[in-house]
């Protein structure tokens, strides 16, 4: 039965359709005197390294982790969510229109 559904394509997706793109991280440890962050406008955040976790709610799943290099696509999506007035856990991206990044 499973063989037939694979042949017909019903309920079958290649594994590559379920794997997300690799995420770039900067895992360089912060020195204690550098343990601060800068705030940059969401729309201009591509290429910066995130300093905090960014969690839109709902669904409450992090979309950005500390050390992650912010892509253009993610900066655009966060801008879109902020434009919609989406709530965020932690840093208020919608209200402040900024993202905390490493200096």
N, C-alpha and C. Protein backbone atom coordinates (compact mmCIF):
# COMPACT_ATOMS: atom_id res chain seq x y z
N UNK A 1 0.83 -1.20 0.00
CA UNK A 1 0.00 0.00 0.00
C UNK A 1 0.87 1.27 0.00
N UNK A 2 1.88 1.28 0.89
CA UNK A 2 2.77 2.43 0.94
C UNK A 2 3.51 2.60 -0.37
N UNK A 3 3.87 1.49 -0.98
CA UNK A 3 4.57 1.52 -2.26
C UNK A 3 3.70 2.21 -3.32
N UNK A 4 2.40 1.90 -3.31
CA UNK A 4 1.49 2.50 -4.29
C UNK A 4 1.36 4.01 -4.08
N UNK A 5 1.24 4.44 -2.80
CA UNK A 5 1.08 5.88 -2.56
C UNK A 5 2.35 6.63 -2.95
N UNK A 6 3.51 6.00 -2.80
CA UNK A 6 4.76 6.65 -3.24
C UNK A 6 4.77 6.80 -4.75
N UNK A 7 4.31 5.78 -5.44
CA UNK A 7 4.29 5.84 -6.90
C UNK A 7 3.33 6.93 -7.38
N UNK A 8 2.19 7.04 -6.73
CA UNK A 8 1.19 8.01 -7.18
C UNK A 8 1.50 9.42 -6.67
N UNK A 9 2.40 9.51 -5.67
CA UNK A 9 2.74 10.83 -5.12
C UNK A 9 1.83 11.24 -3.99
N UNK A 10 0.82 10.45 -3.64
CA UNK A 10 -0.09 10.79 -2.56
C UNK A 10 0.62 10.66 -1.22
N UNK A 11 0.48 11.68 -0.39
CA UNK A 11 1.05 11.69 0.96
C UNK A 11 2.55 11.42 0.96
N UNK A 12 3.24 11.87 -0.07
CA UNK A 12 4.68 11.66 -0.13
C UNK A 12 5.36 12.95 -0.55
N UNK A 13 6.31 13.37 0.25
CA UNK A 13 7.11 14.54 -0.09
C UNK A 13 8.57 14.15 0.10
N UNK A 14 9.43 14.58 -0.78
CA UNK A 14 10.85 14.29 -0.59
C UNK A 14 11.36 14.91 0.71
N UNK A 15 12.29 14.26 1.36
CA UNK A 15 12.83 14.76 2.63
C UNK A 15 13.41 16.16 2.48
N UNK A 16 13.92 16.50 1.31
CA UNK A 16 14.52 17.82 1.11
C UNK A 16 13.49 18.94 1.22
N UNK A 17 12.21 18.65 1.04
CA UNK A 17 11.17 19.66 1.20
C UNK A 17 10.92 20.01 2.67
N UNK A 18 11.41 19.16 3.58
CA UNK A 18 11.14 19.37 5.00
C UNK A 18 12.36 19.86 5.77
N UNK A 19 13.47 20.10 5.10
CA UNK A 19 14.68 20.55 5.76
C UNK A 19 14.86 22.03 5.50
N UNK A 20 15.06 22.80 6.58
CA UNK A 20 15.24 24.25 6.41
C UNK A 20 16.66 24.54 5.92
N UNK A 21 16.84 25.77 5.48
CA UNK A 21 18.15 26.22 5.03
C UNK A 21 19.10 26.28 6.22
N UNK A 22 20.39 26.06 6.02
CA UNK A 22 21.35 26.18 7.12
C UNK A 22 21.38 27.61 7.65
N UNK A 23 21.61 27.76 8.94
CA UNK A 23 21.66 29.07 9.58
C UNK A 23 23.10 29.36 9.97
N UNK A 24 23.56 30.57 9.66
CA UNK A 24 24.93 30.97 10.02
C UNK A 24 24.95 31.51 11.44
N UNK A 25 25.94 31.07 12.22
CA UNK A 25 26.12 31.54 13.59
C UNK A 25 27.52 32.09 13.77
N UNK A 26 27.64 33.10 14.61
CA UNK A 26 28.95 33.60 15.03
C UNK A 26 29.09 33.17 16.48
N UNK A 27 29.88 32.15 16.72
CA UNK A 27 30.02 31.60 18.07
C UNK A 27 31.22 32.15 18.82
N UNK A 28 31.76 33.26 18.34
CA UNK A 28 32.87 33.90 19.04
C UNK A 28 32.39 34.35 20.41
N UNK A 29 33.07 33.93 21.48
CA UNK A 29 32.62 34.34 22.82
C UNK A 29 32.75 35.85 23.00
N UNK A 30 31.81 36.42 23.73
CA UNK A 30 31.88 37.85 24.05
C UNK A 30 32.75 38.04 25.28
N UNK A 31 33.62 39.02 25.24
CA UNK A 31 34.40 39.36 26.43
C UNK A 31 33.49 40.15 27.36
N UNK A 32 33.77 40.14 28.63
CA UNK A 32 32.88 40.78 29.60
C UNK A 32 32.65 42.26 29.29
N UNK A 33 33.69 42.97 28.82
CA UNK A 33 33.49 44.40 28.52
C UNK A 33 32.67 44.60 27.25
N UNK A 34 32.55 43.55 26.44
CA UNK A 34 31.76 43.65 25.21
C UNK A 34 30.36 43.07 25.39
N UNK A 35 30.02 42.76 26.60
CA UNK A 35 28.75 42.09 26.86
C UNK A 35 27.57 43.06 26.78
N UNK A 36 27.60 43.92 25.82
CA UNK A 36 26.52 44.87 25.58
C UNK A 36 25.99 44.63 24.18
N UNK A 37 24.93 45.31 23.86
CA UNK A 37 24.41 45.18 22.50
C UNK A 37 24.02 46.55 21.97
N UNK A 38 23.94 46.62 20.66
CA UNK A 38 23.47 47.83 19.98
C UNK A 38 22.09 47.53 19.44
N UNK A 39 21.30 48.56 19.26
CA UNK A 39 19.99 48.40 18.66
C UNK A 39 20.04 48.96 17.24
N UNK A 40 19.63 48.14 16.27
CA UNK A 40 19.58 48.60 14.89
C UNK A 40 18.14 48.46 14.38
N UNK A 41 17.74 49.31 13.45
CA UNK A 41 16.39 49.19 12.89
C UNK A 41 16.19 47.80 12.27
N UNK A 42 15.01 47.25 12.46
CA UNK A 42 14.70 45.91 11.94
C UNK A 42 15.00 45.82 10.45
N UNK A 43 14.55 46.80 9.69
CA UNK A 43 14.71 46.76 8.24
C UNK A 43 16.17 46.81 7.80
N UNK A 44 17.06 47.27 8.67
CA UNK A 44 18.49 47.39 8.33
C UNK A 44 19.35 46.36 9.06
N UNK A 45 18.74 45.33 9.62
CA UNK A 45 19.46 44.39 10.48
C UNK A 45 20.17 43.26 9.74
N UNK A 46 19.92 43.08 8.44
CA UNK A 46 20.56 42.00 7.69
C UNK A 46 22.08 42.14 7.75
N UNK A 47 22.75 41.02 8.03
CA UNK A 47 24.20 41.00 8.10
C UNK A 47 24.75 41.18 9.51
N UNK A 48 23.93 41.67 10.43
CA UNK A 48 24.36 41.82 11.82
C UNK A 48 24.23 40.48 12.54
N UNK A 49 24.88 40.37 13.70
CA UNK A 49 24.81 39.18 14.53
C UNK A 49 23.87 39.45 15.70
N UNK A 50 22.85 38.62 15.84
CA UNK A 50 21.84 38.81 16.89
C UNK A 50 22.47 38.70 18.28
N UNK A 51 22.02 39.56 19.19
CA UNK A 51 22.50 39.54 20.57
C UNK A 51 21.50 38.86 21.50
N UNK A 52 20.25 38.76 21.07
CA UNK A 52 19.20 38.16 21.90
C UNK A 52 18.31 37.26 21.05
N UNK A 53 17.55 36.43 21.73
CA UNK A 53 16.57 35.59 21.05
C UNK A 53 15.37 36.46 20.69
N UNK A 54 14.85 36.30 19.48
CA UNK A 54 13.66 37.02 19.03
C UNK A 54 12.55 36.00 18.83
N UNK A 55 11.43 36.24 19.54
CA UNK A 55 10.35 35.25 19.57
C UNK A 55 9.01 35.92 19.27
N UNK A 56 8.51 35.82 18.03
CA UNK A 56 7.17 36.36 17.76
C UNK A 56 6.10 35.49 18.41
N UNK A 57 5.01 36.14 18.86
CA UNK A 57 3.93 35.40 19.51
C UNK A 57 2.60 35.87 18.94
N UNK A 58 1.70 34.98 18.57
CA UNK A 58 1.95 33.55 18.46
C UNK A 58 2.84 33.25 17.27
N UNK A 59 3.46 32.15 17.23
CA UNK A 59 3.30 30.91 17.98
C UNK A 59 4.22 30.80 19.19
N UNK A 60 5.16 31.73 19.39
CA UNK A 60 6.05 31.62 20.54
C UNK A 60 7.27 30.75 20.27
N UNK A 61 7.63 30.60 19.00
CA UNK A 61 8.79 29.81 18.62
C UNK A 61 9.89 30.77 18.17
N UNK A 62 11.10 30.66 18.74
CA UNK A 62 12.18 31.59 18.35
C UNK A 62 12.47 31.52 16.86
N UNK A 63 12.65 32.69 16.27
CA UNK A 63 13.05 32.76 14.85
C UNK A 63 14.47 33.28 14.72
N UNK A 64 15.04 33.74 15.83
CA UNK A 64 16.39 34.28 15.82
C UNK A 64 17.04 33.97 17.17
N UNK A 65 18.27 33.45 17.11
CA UNK A 65 19.00 33.07 18.32
C UNK A 65 20.23 33.94 18.49
N UNK A 66 20.71 34.14 19.73
CA UNK A 66 21.95 34.89 19.93
C UNK A 66 23.09 34.23 19.15
N UNK A 67 23.85 35.05 18.45
CA UNK A 67 24.95 34.55 17.65
C UNK A 67 24.58 34.26 16.21
N UNK A 68 23.27 34.25 15.91
CA UNK A 68 22.83 33.99 14.54
C UNK A 68 23.01 35.24 13.69
N UNK A 69 23.54 35.04 12.50
CA UNK A 69 23.71 36.15 11.56
C UNK A 69 22.37 36.37 10.85
N UNK A 70 21.86 37.58 10.90
CA UNK A 70 20.52 37.89 10.39
C UNK A 70 20.56 37.95 8.87
N UNK A 71 19.72 37.15 8.23
CA UNK A 71 19.64 37.14 6.77
C UNK A 71 18.69 38.24 6.29
N UNK A 72 18.79 38.55 5.02
CA UNK A 72 17.85 39.54 4.43
C UNK A 72 16.42 39.05 4.52
N UNK A 73 16.23 37.76 4.26
CA UNK A 73 14.87 37.19 4.30
C UNK A 73 14.28 37.29 5.71
N UNK A 74 15.08 37.01 6.73
CA UNK A 74 14.58 37.09 8.10
C UNK A 74 14.33 38.54 8.50
N UNK A 75 15.20 39.45 8.10
CA UNK A 75 14.98 40.87 8.39
C UNK A 75 13.67 41.34 7.75
N UNK A 76 13.42 40.90 6.52
CA UNK A 76 12.17 41.27 5.84
C UNK A 76 10.96 40.67 6.55
N UNK A 77 11.07 39.43 6.99
CA UNK A 77 9.95 38.78 7.70
C UNK A 77 9.69 39.46 9.04
N UNK A 78 10.73 39.80 9.77
CA UNK A 78 10.55 40.49 11.06
C UNK A 78 9.96 41.88 10.84
N UNK A 79 10.35 42.55 9.77
CA UNK A 79 9.75 43.85 9.43
C UNK A 79 8.27 43.68 9.15
N UNK A 80 7.92 42.64 8.39
CA UNK A 80 6.51 42.37 8.07
C UNK A 80 5.71 42.10 9.34
N UNK A 81 6.25 41.28 10.24
CA UNK A 81 5.56 40.97 11.49
C UNK A 81 5.40 42.22 12.35
N UNK A 82 6.43 43.06 12.39
CA UNK A 82 6.34 44.31 13.14
C UNK A 82 5.29 45.24 12.54
N UNK A 83 5.23 45.31 11.20
CA UNK A 83 4.22 46.13 10.52
C UNK A 83 2.80 45.65 10.85
N UNK A 84 2.65 44.35 11.06
CA UNK A 84 1.35 43.79 11.42
C UNK A 84 1.02 43.97 12.90
N UNK A 85 2.01 44.48 13.67
CA UNK A 85 1.78 44.68 15.10
C UNK A 85 1.88 43.41 15.90
N UNK A 86 2.56 42.40 15.37
CA UNK A 86 2.71 41.12 16.07
C UNK A 86 3.43 41.34 17.40
N UNK A 87 3.03 40.60 18.42
CA UNK A 87 3.68 40.68 19.73
C UNK A 87 4.94 39.82 19.72
N UNK A 88 5.91 40.21 20.53
CA UNK A 88 7.17 39.48 20.65
C UNK A 88 7.48 39.26 22.12
N UNK A 89 7.95 38.07 22.47
CA UNK A 89 8.47 37.82 23.82
C UNK A 89 9.84 38.47 23.91
N UNK A 90 10.18 39.00 25.06
CA UNK A 90 11.49 39.62 25.23
C UNK A 90 11.52 41.00 24.59
N UNK A 91 12.44 41.20 23.67
CA UNK A 91 12.60 42.50 23.02
C UNK A 91 11.35 42.84 22.19
N UNK A 92 10.82 44.05 22.37
CA UNK A 92 9.60 44.48 21.68
C UNK A 92 9.93 45.00 20.27
N UNK A 93 10.04 44.08 19.34
CA UNK A 93 10.40 44.42 17.96
C UNK A 93 9.33 45.32 17.33
N UNK A 94 8.06 45.02 17.58
CA UNK A 94 6.97 45.81 16.98
C UNK A 94 6.95 47.24 17.52
N UNK A 95 7.12 47.40 18.81
CA UNK A 95 7.04 48.73 19.41
C UNK A 95 8.28 49.57 19.18
N UNK A 96 9.45 48.94 19.33
CA UNK A 96 10.70 49.69 19.21
C UNK A 96 11.25 49.73 17.79
N UNK A 97 10.79 48.78 16.95
CA UNK A 97 11.23 48.69 15.56
C UNK A 97 12.74 48.49 15.44
N UNK A 98 13.33 47.82 16.45
CA UNK A 98 14.76 47.55 16.47
C UNK A 98 15.01 46.09 16.82
N UNK A 99 16.26 45.66 16.60
CA UNK A 99 16.73 44.34 17.00
C UNK A 99 18.05 44.53 17.72
N UNK A 100 18.24 43.88 18.88
CA UNK A 100 19.52 43.97 19.57
C UNK A 100 20.57 43.12 18.85
N UNK A 101 21.70 43.73 18.55
CA UNK A 101 22.77 43.03 17.83
C UNK A 101 24.09 43.19 18.58
N UNK A 102 25.04 42.30 18.27
CA UNK A 102 26.37 42.42 18.86
C UNK A 102 27.09 43.63 18.28
N UNK A 103 27.88 44.30 19.11
CA UNK A 103 28.64 45.46 18.60
C UNK A 103 29.69 45.04 17.59
